[in-house]
Amino acid sequence: MSEQPNDSTGSQNNTEDLEQKAKDRIEEMPAETALGNRDPQGGGEGDPKDFPPEGN
């Protein structure tokens, strides 16, 4: 078993990268109403139903 160096800056950079990717992904997603239908005033492209649910 190999030991990994204790480098907190590497994991911090990785966390920042993941946060930025998540923000970019959310901005691309279409806005939706409470019923899950597309909200044309909210921006974004496509239909919310075209995106797979998260966490499954």
PDB file of N, CA and C in Angstrom:
ATOM      1  N   MET A   1       0.842  -1.164   0.000  1.00  0.00           N
ATOM      2  CA  MET A   1       0.000   0.000   0.000  1.00  0.00           C
ATOM      3  C   MET A   1       0.894   1.236   0.000  1.00  0.00           C
ATOM      4  N   SER A   2       0.633   2.162  -0.930  1.00  0.00           N
ATOM      5  CA  SER A   2       1.465   3.355  -0.991  1.00  0.00           C
ATOM      6  C   SER A   2       0.812   4.485  -0.205  1.00  0.00           C
ATOM      7  N   GLU A   3       1.636   5.277   0.417  1.00  0.00           N
ATOM      8  CA  GLU A   3       1.131   6.411   1.184  1.00  0.00           C
ATOM      9  C   GLU A   3       1.059   7.627   0.286  1.00  0.00           C
ATOM     10  N   GLN A   4       0.006   8.393   0.440  1.00  0.00           N
ATOM     11  CA  GLN A   4      -0.135   9.613  -0.329  1.00  0.00           C
ATOM     12  C   GLN A   4       0.378  10.780   0.499  1.00  0.00           C
ATOM     13  N   PRO A   5       1.003  11.746  -0.158  1.00  0.00           N
ATOM     14  CA  PRO A   5       1.512  12.894   0.594  1.00  0.00           C
ATOM     15  C   PRO A   5       0.369  13.695   1.209  1.00  0.00           C
ATOM     16  N   ASN A   6       0.646  14.284   2.344  1.00  0.00           N
ATOM     17  CA  ASN A   6      -0.338  15.098   3.037  1.00  0.00           C
ATOM     18  C   ASN A   6      -0.269  16.512   2.472  1.00  0.00           C
ATOM     19  N   ASP A   7      -0.923  16.723   1.328  1.00  0.00           N
ATOM     20  CA  ASP A   7      -0.867  18.003   0.622  1.00  0.00           C
ATOM     21  C   ASP A   7      -2.266  18.581   0.539  1.00  0.00           C
ATOM     22  N   SER A   8      -2.585  19.490   1.455  1.00  0.00           N
ATOM     23  CA  SER A   8      -3.933  20.057   1.498  1.00  0.00           C
ATOM     24  C   SER A   8      -4.181  21.025   0.350  1.00  0.00           C
ATOM     25  N   THR A   9      -3.135  21.606  -0.237  1.00  0.00           N
ATOM     26  CA  THR A   9      -3.346  22.540  -1.346  1.00  0.00           C
ATOM     27  C   THR A   9      -3.857  21.814  -2.573  1.00  0.00           C
ATOM     28  N   GLY A  10      -3.431  20.591  -2.791  1.00  0.00           N
ATOM     29  CA  GLY A  10      -3.908  19.810  -3.932  1.00  0.00           C
ATOM     30  C   GLY A  10      -5.384  19.512  -3.828  1.00  0.00           C
ATOM     31  N   SER A  11      -5.827  19.120  -2.649  1.00  0.00           N
ATOM     32  CA  SER A  11      -7.245  18.823  -2.483  1.00  0.00           C
ATOM     33  C   SER A  11      -8.078  20.099  -2.502  1.00  0.00           C
ATOM     34  N   GLN A  12      -7.501  21.198  -2.031  1.00  0.00           N
ATOM     35  CA  GLN A  12      -8.220  22.472  -2.067  1.00  0.00           C
ATOM     36  C   GLN A  12      -8.414  22.919  -3.517  1.00  0.00           C
ATOM     37  N   ASN A  13      -7.381  22.773  -4.340  1.00  0.00           N
ATOM     38  CA  ASN A  13      -7.507  23.122  -5.756  1.00  0.00           C
ATOM     39  C   ASN A  13      -8.528  22.235  -6.434  1.00  0.00           C
ATOM     40  N   ASN A  14      -8.534  20.957  -6.103  1.00  0.00           N
ATOM     41  CA  ASN A  14      -9.491  20.027  -6.675  1.00  0.00           C
ATOM     42  C   ASN A  14     -10.911  20.424  -6.273  1.00  0.00           C
ATOM     43  N   THR A  15     -11.105  20.809  -5.029  1.00  0.00           N
ATOM     44  CA  THR A  15     -12.418  21.241  -4.556  1.00  0.00           C
ATOM     45  C   THR A  15     -12.864  22.484  -5.308  1.00  0.00           C
ATOM     46  N   GLU A  16     -11.972  23.430  -5.496  1.00  0.00           N
ATOM     47  CA  GLU A  16     -12.293  24.647  -6.227  1.00  0.00           C
ATOM     48  C   GLU A  16     -12.656  24.337  -7.679  1.00  0.00           C
ATOM     49  N   ASP A  17     -11.922  23.409  -8.292  1.00  0.00           N
ATOM     50  CA  ASP A  17     -12.230  23.006  -9.666  1.00  0.00           C
ATOM     51  C   ASP A  17     -13.618  22.385  -9.747  1.00  0.00           C
ATOM     52  N   LEU A  18     -13.928  21.503  -8.800  1.00  0.00           N
ATOM     53  CA  LEU A  18     -15.240  20.864  -8.797  1.00  0.00           C
ATOM     54  C   LEU A  18     -16.361  21.866  -8.566  1.00  0.00           C
ATOM     55  N   GLU A  19     -16.133  22.827  -7.682  1.00  0.00           N
ATOM     56  CA  GLU A  19     -17.136  23.859  -7.435  1.00  0.00           C
ATOM     57  C   GLU A  19     -17.389  24.680  -8.694  1.00  0.00           C
ATOM     58  N   GLN A  20     -16.331  25.023  -9.421  1.00  0.00           N
ATOM     59  CA  GLN A  20     -16.483  25.802 -10.646  1.00  0.00           C
ATOM     60  C   GLN A  20     -17.217  24.994 -11.712  1.00  0.00           C
ATOM     61  N   LYS A  21     -16.890  23.717 -11.837  1.00  0.00           N
ATOM     62  CA  LYS A  21     -17.590  22.865 -12.809  1.00  0.00           C
ATOM     63  C   LYS A  21     -19.073  22.756 -12.465  1.00  0.00           C
ATOM     64  N   ALA A  22     -19.376  22.649 -11.186  1.00  0.00           N
ATOM     65  CA  ALA A  22     -20.771  22.567 -10.752  1.00  0.00           C
ATOM     66  C   ALA A  22     -21.519  23.858 -11.075  1.00  0.00           C
ATOM     67  N   LYS A  23     -20.896  24.994 -10.830  1.00  0.00           N
ATOM     68  CA  LYS A  23     -21.523  26.284 -11.138  1.00  0.00           C
ATOM     69  C   LYS A  23     -21.782  26.409 -12.634  1.00  0.00           C
ATOM     70  N   ASP A  24     -20.799  25.998 -13.446  1.00  0.00           N
ATOM     71  CA  ASP A  24     -20.974  26.059 -14.897  1.00  0.00           C
ATOM     72  C   ASP A  24     -22.110  25.147 -15.345  1.00  0.00           C
ATOM     73  N   ARG A  25     -22.190  23.975 -14.755  1.00  0.00           N
ATOM     74  CA  ARG A  25     -23.243  23.003 -15.114  1.00  0.00           C
ATOM     75  C   ARG A  25     -24.623  23.554 -14.750  1.00  0.00           C
ATOM     76  N   ILE A  26     -24.750  24.153 -13.595  1.00  0.00           N
ATOM     77  CA  ILE A  26     -26.031  24.710 -13.161  1.00  0.00           C
ATOM     78  C   ILE A  26     -26.462  25.839 -14.086  1.00  0.00           C
ATOM     79  N   GLU A  27     -25.510  26.672 -14.514  1.00  0.00           N
ATOM     80  CA  GLU A  27     -25.848  27.773 -15.409  1.00  0.00           C
ATOM     81  C   GLU A  27     -26.365  27.274 -16.748  1.00  0.00           C
ATOM     82  N   GLU A  28     -25.913  26.100 -17.190  1.00  0.00           N
ATOM     83  CA  GLU A  28     -26.349  25.540 -18.464  1.00  0.00           C
ATOM     84  C   GLU A  28     -27.735  24.916 -18.378  1.00  0.00           C
ATOM     85  N   MET A  29     -28.132  24.514 -17.197  1.00  0.00           N
ATOM     86  CA  MET A  29     -29.411  23.826 -17.045  1.00  0.00           C
ATOM     87  C   MET A  29     -30.573  24.797 -17.201  1.00  0.00           C
ATOM     88  N   PRO A  30     -31.673  24.322 -17.780  1.00  0.00           N
ATOM     89  CA  PRO A  30     -32.839  25.188 -17.949  1.00  0.00           C
ATOM     90  C   PRO A  30     -33.539  25.449 -16.620  1.00  0.00           C
ATOM     91  N   ALA A  31     -34.134  26.627 -16.524  1.00  0.00           N
ATOM     92  CA  ALA A  31     -34.926  26.940 -15.335  1.00  0.00           C
ATOM     93  C   ALA A  31     -36.225  26.142 -15.402  1.00  0.00           C
ATOM     94  N   GLU A  32     -36.786  25.850 -14.242  1.00  0.00           N
ATOM     95  CA  GLU A  32     -38.033  25.098 -14.230  1.00  0.00           C
ATOM     96  C   GLU A  32     -38.983  25.656 -13.191  1.00  0.00           C
ATOM     97  N   THR A  33     -40.252  25.400 -13.431  1.00  0.00           N
ATOM     98  CA  THR A  33     -41.289  25.818 -12.495  1.00  0.00           C
ATOM     99  C   THR A  33     -41.380  24.795 -11.369  1.00  0.00           C
ATOM    100  N   ALA A  34     -42.248  25.043 -10.403  1.00  0.00           N
ATOM    101  CA  ALA A  34     -42.422  24.114  -9.284  1.00  0.00           C
ATOM    102  C   ALA A  34     -42.918  22.745  -9.760  1.00  0.00           C
ATOM    103  N   LEU A  35     -43.578  22.701 -10.901  1.00  0.00           N
ATOM    104  CA  LEU A  35     -44.083  21.434 -11.426  1.00  0.00           C
ATOM    105  C   LEU A  35     -43.073  20.715 -12.314  1.00  0.00           C
ATOM    106  N   GLY A  36     -41.908  21.319 -12.504  1.00  0.00           N
ATOM    107  CA  GLY A  36     -40.871  20.676 -13.298  1.00  0.00           C
ATOM    108  C   GLY A  36     -40.943  21.004 -14.774  1.00  0.00           C
ATOM    109  N   ASN A  37     -41.803  21.944 -15.160  1.00  0.00           N
ATOM    110  CA  ASN A  37     -41.903  22.351 -16.552  1.00  0.00           C
ATOM    111  C   ASN A  37     -40.893  23.461 -16.827  1.00  0.00           C
ATOM    112  N   ARG A  38     -40.575  23.643 -18.103  1.00  0.00           N
ATOM    113  CA  ARG A  38     -39.618  24.666 -18.504  1.00  0.00           C
ATOM    114  C   ARG A  38     -40.160  26.056 -18.170  1.00  0.00           C
ATOM    115  N   ASP A  39     -39.288  26.906 -17.653  1.00  0.00           N
ATOM    116  CA  ASP A  39     -39.643  28.291 -17.350  1.00  0.00           C
ATOM    117  C   ASP A  39     -38.905  29.182 -18.344  1.00  0.00           C
ATOM    118  N   PRO A  40     -39.594  29.670 -19.376  1.00  0.00           N
ATOM    119  CA  PRO A  40     -38.911  30.445 -20.413  1.00  0.00           C
ATOM    120  C   PRO A  40     -38.284  31.735 -19.901  1.00  0.00           C
ATOM    121  N   GLN A  41     -38.781  32.297 -18.827  1.00  0.00           N
ATOM    122  CA  GLN A  41     -38.223  33.533 -18.290  1.00  0.00           C
ATOM    123  C   GLN A  41     -36.976  33.279 -17.446  1.00  0.00           C
ATOM    124  N   GLY A  42     -36.735  32.038 -17.077  1.00  0.00           N
ATOM    125  CA  GLY A  42     -35.606  31.710 -16.212  1.00  0.00           C
ATOM    126  C   GLY A  42     -34.299  31.511 -16.924  1.00  0.00           C
ATOM    127  N   GLY A  43     -34.329  31.366 -18.234  1.00  0.00           N
ATOM    128  CA  GLY A  43     -33.091  31.163 -18.990  1.00  0.00           C
ATOM    129  C   GLY A  43     -32.700  29.702 -19.071  1.00  0.00           C
ATOM    130  N   GLY A  44     -31.588  29.451 -19.698  1.00  0.00           N
ATOM    131  CA  GLY A  44     -31.116  28.083 -19.895  1.00  0.00           C
ATOM    132  C   GLY A  44     -31.651  27.515 -21.193  1.00  0.00           C
ATOM    133  N   GLU A  45     -31.093  26.403 -21.593  1.00  0.00           N
ATOM    134  CA  GLU A  45     -31.478  25.762 -22.840  1.00  0.00           C
ATOM    135  C   GLU A  45     -32.103  24.406 -22.566  1.00  0.00           C
ATOM    136  N   GLY A  46     -33.062  24.011 -23.386  1.00  0.00           N
ATOM    137  CA  GLY A  46     -33.628  22.674 -23.304  1.00  0.00           C
ATOM    138  C   GLY A  46     -34.787  22.576 -22.341  1.00  0.00           C
ATOM    139  N   ASP A  47     -35.168  21.337 -22.081  1.00  0.00           N
ATOM    140  CA  ASP A  47     -36.295  21.023 -21.223  1.00  0.00           C
ATOM    141  C   ASP A  47     -35.759  20.347 -19.964  1.00  0.00           C
ATOM    142  N   PRO A  48     -36.209  20.752 -18.776  1.00  0.00           N
ATOM    143  CA  PRO A  48     -35.711  20.135 -17.544  1.00  0.00           C
ATOM    144  C   PRO A  48     -35.893  18.611 -17.520  1.00  0.00           C
ATOM    145  N   LYS A  49     -36.908  18.121 -18.185  1.00  0.00           N
ATOM    146  CA  LYS A  49     -37.171  16.673 -18.183  1.00  0.00           C
ATOM    147  C   LYS A  49     -36.133  15.896 -18.985  1.00  0.00           C
ATOM    148  N   ASP A  50     -35.341  16.599 -19.805  1.00  0.00           N
ATOM    149  CA  ASP A  50     -34.283  15.943 -20.584  1.00  0.00           C
ATOM    150  C   ASP A  50     -33.054  15.637 -19.737  1.00  0.00           C
ATOM    151  N   PHE A  51     -32.940  16.259 -18.569  1.00  0.00           N
ATOM    152  CA  PHE A  51     -31.787  16.052 -17.687  1.00  0.00           C
ATOM    153  C   PHE A  51     -32.100  14.923 -16.708  1.00  0.00           C
ATOM    154  N   PRO A  52     -31.159  13.988 -16.527  1.00  0.00           N
ATOM    155  CA  PRO A  52     -31.416  12.895 -15.578  1.00  0.00           C
ATOM    156  C   PRO A  52     -31.446  13.416 -14.143  1.00  0.00           C
ATOM    157  N   PRO A  53     -32.242  12.787 -13.293  1.00  0.00           N
ATOM    158  CA  PRO A  53     -32.260  13.221 -11.887  1.00  0.00           C
ATOM    159  C   PRO A  53     -30.920  12.923 -11.224  1.00  0.00           C
ATOM    160  N   GLU A  54     -30.526  13.789 -10.328  1.00  0.00           N
ATOM    161  CA  GLU A  54     -29.257  13.630  -9.610  1.00  0.00           C
ATOM    162  C   GLU A  54     -29.444  12.682  -8.434  1.00  0.00           C
ATOM    163  N   GLY A  55     -28.398  11.949  -8.109  1.00  0.00           N
ATOM    164  CA  GLY A  55     -28.379  11.123  -6.912  1.00  0.00           C
ATOM    165  C   GLY A  55     -28.977   9.749  -7.075  1.00  0.00           C
ATOM    166  N   ASN A  56     -29.295   9.353  -8.286  1.00  0.00           N
ATOM    167  CA  ASN A  56     -29.845   7.995  -8.473  1.00  0.00           C
ATOM    168  C   ASN A  56     -28.825   7.084  -9.047  1.00  0.00           C
TER     169      ASN A  56
END
